[in-house]
């Protein structure tokens, strides 16, 4: 059993194409590309369900700068407290 390893996008695409061409033989694919059985299977299932773009790794990407400045002020009429909230900030003002 091969331990999973980091793979590039091109390696994932190539391994999926190999797996599909060989009747979804995940064991053979995992041995050839030195990835775990689970990785070979997950890559293939993602590819078949969502297409080639689903094989990209989007972890660790920063949010766009436009979303970081969206805050809205909601006054609390009876207390005189302003609550500023948004995806990146939560502050109370008196």
N, C-alpha and C. Protein backbone atom coordinates (compact mmCIF):
# COMPACT_ATOMS: atom_id res chain seq x y z
N UNK A 1 0.85 -1.18 0.00
CA UNK A 1 0.00 0.00 0.00
C UNK A 1 0.89 1.24 0.00
N UNK A 2 0.63 2.13 -0.91
CA UNK A 2 1.42 3.35 -1.05
C UNK A 2 0.80 4.45 -0.21
N UNK A 3 1.65 5.15 0.50
CA UNK A 3 1.19 6.31 1.25
C UNK A 3 0.92 7.45 0.27
N UNK A 4 -0.10 8.26 0.55
CA UNK A 4 -0.42 9.38 -0.32
C UNK A 4 0.71 10.39 -0.37
N UNK A 5 0.82 11.09 -1.46
CA UNK A 5 1.86 12.11 -1.61
C UNK A 5 1.27 13.32 -2.32
N UNK A 6 2.02 14.42 -2.29
CA UNK A 6 1.58 15.61 -3.00
C UNK A 6 1.70 15.37 -4.50
N UNK A 7 0.71 15.83 -5.22
CA UNK A 7 0.71 15.68 -6.66
C UNK A 7 0.43 17.01 -7.32
N UNK A 8 0.91 17.17 -8.53
CA UNK A 8 0.62 18.38 -9.29
C UNK A 8 -0.69 18.19 -10.04
N UNK A 9 -1.21 19.28 -10.54
CA UNK A 9 -2.46 19.24 -11.30
C UNK A 9 -2.30 18.32 -12.52
N UNK A 10 -1.19 18.44 -13.22
CA UNK A 10 -0.96 17.63 -14.42
C UNK A 10 -0.86 16.15 -14.08
N UNK A 11 -0.24 15.81 -12.96
CA UNK A 11 -0.17 14.41 -12.54
C UNK A 11 -1.56 13.85 -12.26
N UNK A 12 -2.41 14.66 -11.62
CA UNK A 12 -3.75 14.21 -11.30
C UNK A 12 -4.55 13.95 -12.58
N UNK A 13 -4.45 14.87 -13.53
CA UNK A 13 -5.18 14.71 -14.79
C UNK A 13 -4.70 13.45 -15.51
N UNK A 14 -3.39 13.27 -15.57
CA UNK A 14 -2.82 12.10 -16.25
C UNK A 14 -3.25 10.79 -15.57
N UNK A 15 -3.23 10.77 -14.23
CA UNK A 15 -3.62 9.55 -13.52
C UNK A 15 -5.10 9.24 -13.71
N UNK A 16 -5.94 10.27 -13.75
CA UNK A 16 -7.38 10.05 -13.97
C UNK A 16 -7.62 9.49 -15.36
N UNK A 17 -6.96 10.05 -16.36
CA UNK A 17 -7.13 9.56 -17.72
C UNK A 17 -6.67 8.11 -17.84
N UNK A 18 -5.58 7.77 -17.16
CA UNK A 18 -5.08 6.39 -17.15
C UNK A 18 -6.10 5.48 -16.48
N UNK A 19 -6.63 5.90 -15.35
CA UNK A 19 -7.58 5.10 -14.59
C UNK A 19 -8.85 4.83 -15.40
N UNK A 20 -9.37 5.84 -16.06
CA UNK A 20 -10.59 5.68 -16.86
C UNK A 20 -10.32 4.76 -18.05
N UNK A 21 -9.15 4.92 -18.67
CA UNK A 21 -8.80 4.09 -19.82
C UNK A 21 -8.62 2.62 -19.44
N UNK A 22 -8.30 2.35 -18.18
CA UNK A 22 -8.09 0.99 -17.71
C UNK A 22 -9.24 0.51 -16.83
N UNK A 23 -10.46 0.87 -17.19
CA UNK A 23 -11.69 0.40 -16.53
C UNK A 23 -11.72 0.66 -15.03
N UNK A 24 -11.33 1.84 -14.62
CA UNK A 24 -11.37 2.26 -13.21
C UNK A 24 -10.59 1.31 -12.30
N UNK A 25 -9.43 0.89 -12.74
CA UNK A 25 -8.59 0.03 -11.92
C UNK A 25 -7.75 0.92 -11.01
N UNK A 26 -8.28 1.20 -9.81
CA UNK A 26 -7.63 2.12 -8.88
C UNK A 26 -6.33 1.55 -8.31
N UNK A 27 -6.26 0.25 -8.12
CA UNK A 27 -5.05 -0.38 -7.58
C UNK A 27 -3.89 -0.20 -8.55
N UNK A 28 -4.13 -0.50 -9.82
CA UNK A 28 -3.09 -0.36 -10.84
C UNK A 28 -2.66 1.10 -10.99
N UNK A 29 -3.63 1.99 -10.97
CA UNK A 29 -3.35 3.42 -11.09
C UNK A 29 -2.53 3.91 -9.90
N UNK A 30 -2.89 3.49 -8.70
CA UNK A 30 -2.17 3.94 -7.50
C UNK A 30 -0.73 3.43 -7.51
N UNK A 31 -0.50 2.22 -8.01
CA UNK A 31 0.87 1.69 -8.09
C UNK A 31 1.68 2.42 -9.15
N UNK A 32 1.08 2.67 -10.29
CA UNK A 32 1.81 3.33 -11.40
C UNK A 32 2.21 4.77 -11.04
N UNK A 33 1.30 5.50 -10.40
CA UNK A 33 1.57 6.91 -10.10
C UNK A 33 2.02 7.15 -8.67
N UNK A 34 2.24 6.09 -7.91
CA UNK A 34 2.74 6.15 -6.54
C UNK A 34 1.91 7.07 -5.65
N UNK A 35 0.61 6.89 -5.72
CA UNK A 35 -0.33 7.58 -4.84
C UNK A 35 -1.15 6.51 -4.12
N UNK A 36 -1.88 6.90 -3.11
CA UNK A 36 -2.70 5.92 -2.40
C UNK A 36 -3.93 5.56 -3.24
N UNK A 37 -4.52 4.44 -2.91
CA UNK A 37 -5.75 3.99 -3.56
C UNK A 37 -6.83 5.06 -3.42
N UNK A 38 -6.93 5.64 -2.21
CA UNK A 38 -7.96 6.64 -1.95
C UNK A 38 -7.77 7.87 -2.83
N UNK A 39 -6.51 8.29 -3.01
CA UNK A 39 -6.26 9.45 -3.87
C UNK A 39 -6.66 9.15 -5.30
N UNK A 40 -6.27 7.99 -5.81
CA UNK A 40 -6.61 7.63 -7.19
C UNK A 40 -8.12 7.60 -7.37
N UNK A 41 -8.83 7.05 -6.42
CA UNK A 41 -10.28 6.96 -6.50
C UNK A 41 -10.92 8.34 -6.39
N UNK A 42 -10.46 9.15 -5.42
CA UNK A 42 -11.04 10.49 -5.24
C UNK A 42 -10.80 11.38 -6.45
N UNK A 43 -9.60 11.32 -7.03
CA UNK A 43 -9.32 12.11 -8.23
C UNK A 43 -10.29 11.73 -9.36
N UNK A 44 -10.48 10.43 -9.54
CA UNK A 44 -11.34 9.96 -10.62
C UNK A 44 -12.80 10.35 -10.39
N UNK A 45 -13.28 10.18 -9.17
CA UNK A 45 -14.67 10.54 -8.88
C UNK A 45 -14.91 12.03 -9.04
N UNK A 46 -13.99 12.85 -8.57
CA UNK A 46 -14.12 14.31 -8.74
C UNK A 46 -14.15 14.68 -10.21
N UNK A 47 -13.25 14.09 -10.98
CA UNK A 47 -13.15 14.38 -12.41
C UNK A 47 -14.46 14.04 -13.13
N UNK A 48 -15.01 12.87 -12.81
CA UNK A 48 -16.24 12.44 -13.47
C UNK A 48 -17.45 13.28 -13.04
N UNK A 49 -17.47 13.71 -11.80
CA UNK A 49 -18.62 14.48 -11.31
C UNK A 49 -18.56 15.95 -11.70
N UNK A 50 -17.38 16.57 -11.62
CA UNK A 50 -17.28 18.03 -11.77
C UNK A 50 -16.34 18.51 -12.87
N UNK A 51 -15.64 17.61 -13.53
CA UNK A 51 -14.77 18.01 -14.63
C UNK A 51 -13.32 18.21 -14.20
N UNK A 52 -12.52 18.63 -15.14
CA UNK A 52 -11.07 18.72 -14.93
C UNK A 52 -10.69 19.81 -13.92
N UNK A 53 -11.47 20.88 -13.83
CA UNK A 53 -11.15 21.97 -12.90
C UNK A 53 -11.29 21.56 -11.44
N UNK A 54 -12.04 20.51 -11.18
CA UNK A 54 -12.20 20.05 -9.80
C UNK A 54 -10.92 19.43 -9.25
N UNK A 55 -9.96 19.13 -10.11
CA UNK A 55 -8.69 18.54 -9.67
C UNK A 55 -7.69 19.59 -9.21
N UNK A 56 -8.01 20.86 -9.37
CA UNK A 56 -7.12 21.92 -8.89
C UNK A 56 -7.22 22.04 -7.38
N UNK A 57 -6.11 22.42 -6.76
CA UNK A 57 -6.06 22.60 -5.31
C UNK A 57 -6.20 24.08 -5.01
N UNK A 58 -7.30 24.48 -4.38
CA UNK A 58 -7.56 25.89 -4.09
C UNK A 58 -7.31 26.25 -2.63
N UNK A 59 -6.66 25.37 -1.89
CA UNK A 59 -6.42 25.66 -0.49
C UNK A 59 -5.35 26.73 -0.35
N UNK A 60 -5.48 27.60 0.65
CA UNK A 60 -4.47 28.60 0.94
C UNK A 60 -4.53 29.85 0.10
N UNK A 61 -5.56 30.02 -0.66
CA UNK A 61 -5.69 31.22 -1.49
C UNK A 61 -6.26 32.35 -0.65
N UNK A 62 -5.79 33.57 -0.89
CA UNK A 62 -6.29 34.73 -0.17
C UNK A 62 -7.61 35.20 -0.77
N UNK A 63 -8.39 35.85 0.06
CA UNK A 63 -9.62 36.46 -0.42
C UNK A 63 -9.28 37.69 -1.24
N UNK A 64 -10.17 38.05 -2.14
CA UNK A 64 -9.93 39.24 -2.94
C UNK A 64 -10.04 40.48 -2.05
N UNK A 65 -9.40 41.56 -2.44
CA UNK A 65 -9.38 42.79 -1.66
C UNK A 65 -10.76 43.45 -1.63
N UNK A 66 -11.59 43.22 -2.64
CA UNK A 66 -12.91 43.84 -2.69
C UNK A 66 -13.80 43.36 -1.54
N UNK A 67 -13.70 42.09 -1.16
CA UNK A 67 -14.56 41.54 -0.11
C UNK A 67 -14.15 42.02 1.27
N UNK A 68 -12.89 42.42 1.47
CA UNK A 68 -12.41 42.77 2.80
C UNK A 68 -12.93 44.13 3.28
N UNK A 69 -13.43 44.98 2.38
CA UNK A 69 -13.86 46.32 2.76
C UNK A 69 -15.36 46.44 2.89
N UNK A 70 -16.08 45.34 2.78
CA UNK A 70 -17.53 45.39 2.86
C UNK A 70 -17.98 45.30 4.31
N UNK A 71 -18.36 46.40 4.87
CA UNK A 71 -18.91 46.45 6.23
C UNK A 71 -20.20 47.26 6.17
N UNK A 72 -21.07 46.95 7.06
CA UNK A 72 -22.30 47.73 7.09
C UNK A 72 -22.56 48.17 8.52
N UNK A 73 -23.08 49.37 8.67
CA UNK A 73 -23.40 49.90 9.99
C UNK A 73 -24.87 49.71 10.26
N UNK A 74 -25.16 49.12 11.41
CA UNK A 74 -26.54 48.94 11.83
C UNK A 74 -26.71 49.61 13.19
N UNK A 75 -27.45 50.72 13.24
CA UNK A 75 -27.61 51.38 14.55
C UNK A 75 -28.63 50.67 15.43
N UNK A 76 -28.33 50.60 16.70
CA UNK A 76 -29.28 50.13 17.69
C UNK A 76 -29.95 51.40 18.23
N UNK A 77 -31.14 51.66 17.83
CA UNK A 77 -31.82 52.93 18.07
C UNK A 77 -31.99 53.24 19.57
N UNK A 78 -32.42 52.28 20.35
CA UNK A 78 -32.69 52.54 21.76
C UNK A 78 -31.43 52.74 22.58
N UNK A 79 -30.34 52.06 22.23
CA UNK A 79 -29.13 52.12 23.06
C UNK A 79 -28.10 53.11 22.56
N UNK A 80 -28.17 53.52 21.31
CA UNK A 80 -27.18 54.44 20.77
C UNK A 80 -25.87 53.75 20.43
N UNK A 81 -25.90 52.44 20.31
CA UNK A 81 -24.69 51.68 19.98
C UNK A 81 -24.73 51.33 18.49
N UNK A 82 -23.60 51.53 17.83
CA UNK A 82 -23.48 51.15 16.43
C UNK A 82 -22.71 49.85 16.35
N UNK A 83 -23.24 48.92 15.57
CA UNK A 83 -22.62 47.62 15.40
C UNK A 83 -22.14 47.53 13.96
N UNK A 84 -20.83 47.50 13.76
CA UNK A 84 -20.26 47.41 12.42
C UNK A 84 -19.90 45.96 12.20
N UNK A 85 -20.49 45.36 11.17
CA UNK A 85 -20.23 43.95 10.92
C UNK A 85 -19.96 43.72 9.44
N UNK A 86 -19.32 42.66 9.17
CA UNK A 86 -19.01 42.27 7.81
C UNK A 86 -18.22 40.99 7.85
N UNK A 87 -17.76 40.51 6.68
CA UNK A 87 -17.05 39.24 6.68
C UNK A 87 -15.69 39.30 7.40
N UNK A 88 -15.12 40.48 7.53
CA UNK A 88 -13.78 40.59 8.13
C UNK A 88 -13.73 41.47 9.37
N UNK A 89 -14.87 41.98 9.84
CA UNK A 89 -14.83 42.87 11.00
C UNK A 89 -16.11 42.77 11.80
N UNK A 90 -15.96 42.88 13.08
CA UNK A 90 -17.10 42.95 14.01
C UNK A 90 -16.68 43.87 15.13
N UNK A 91 -17.29 45.05 15.24
CA UNK A 91 -16.88 46.04 16.22
C UNK A 91 -18.11 46.75 16.77
N UNK A 92 -18.06 47.10 18.04
CA UNK A 92 -19.12 47.89 18.65
C UNK A 92 -18.61 49.31 18.91
N UNK A 93 -19.44 50.30 18.56
CA UNK A 93 -19.11 51.70 18.81
C UNK A 93 -20.20 52.32 19.68
N UNK A 94 -19.83 53.14 20.65
CA UNK A 94 -20.81 53.82 21.48
C UNK A 94 -20.74 55.31 21.24
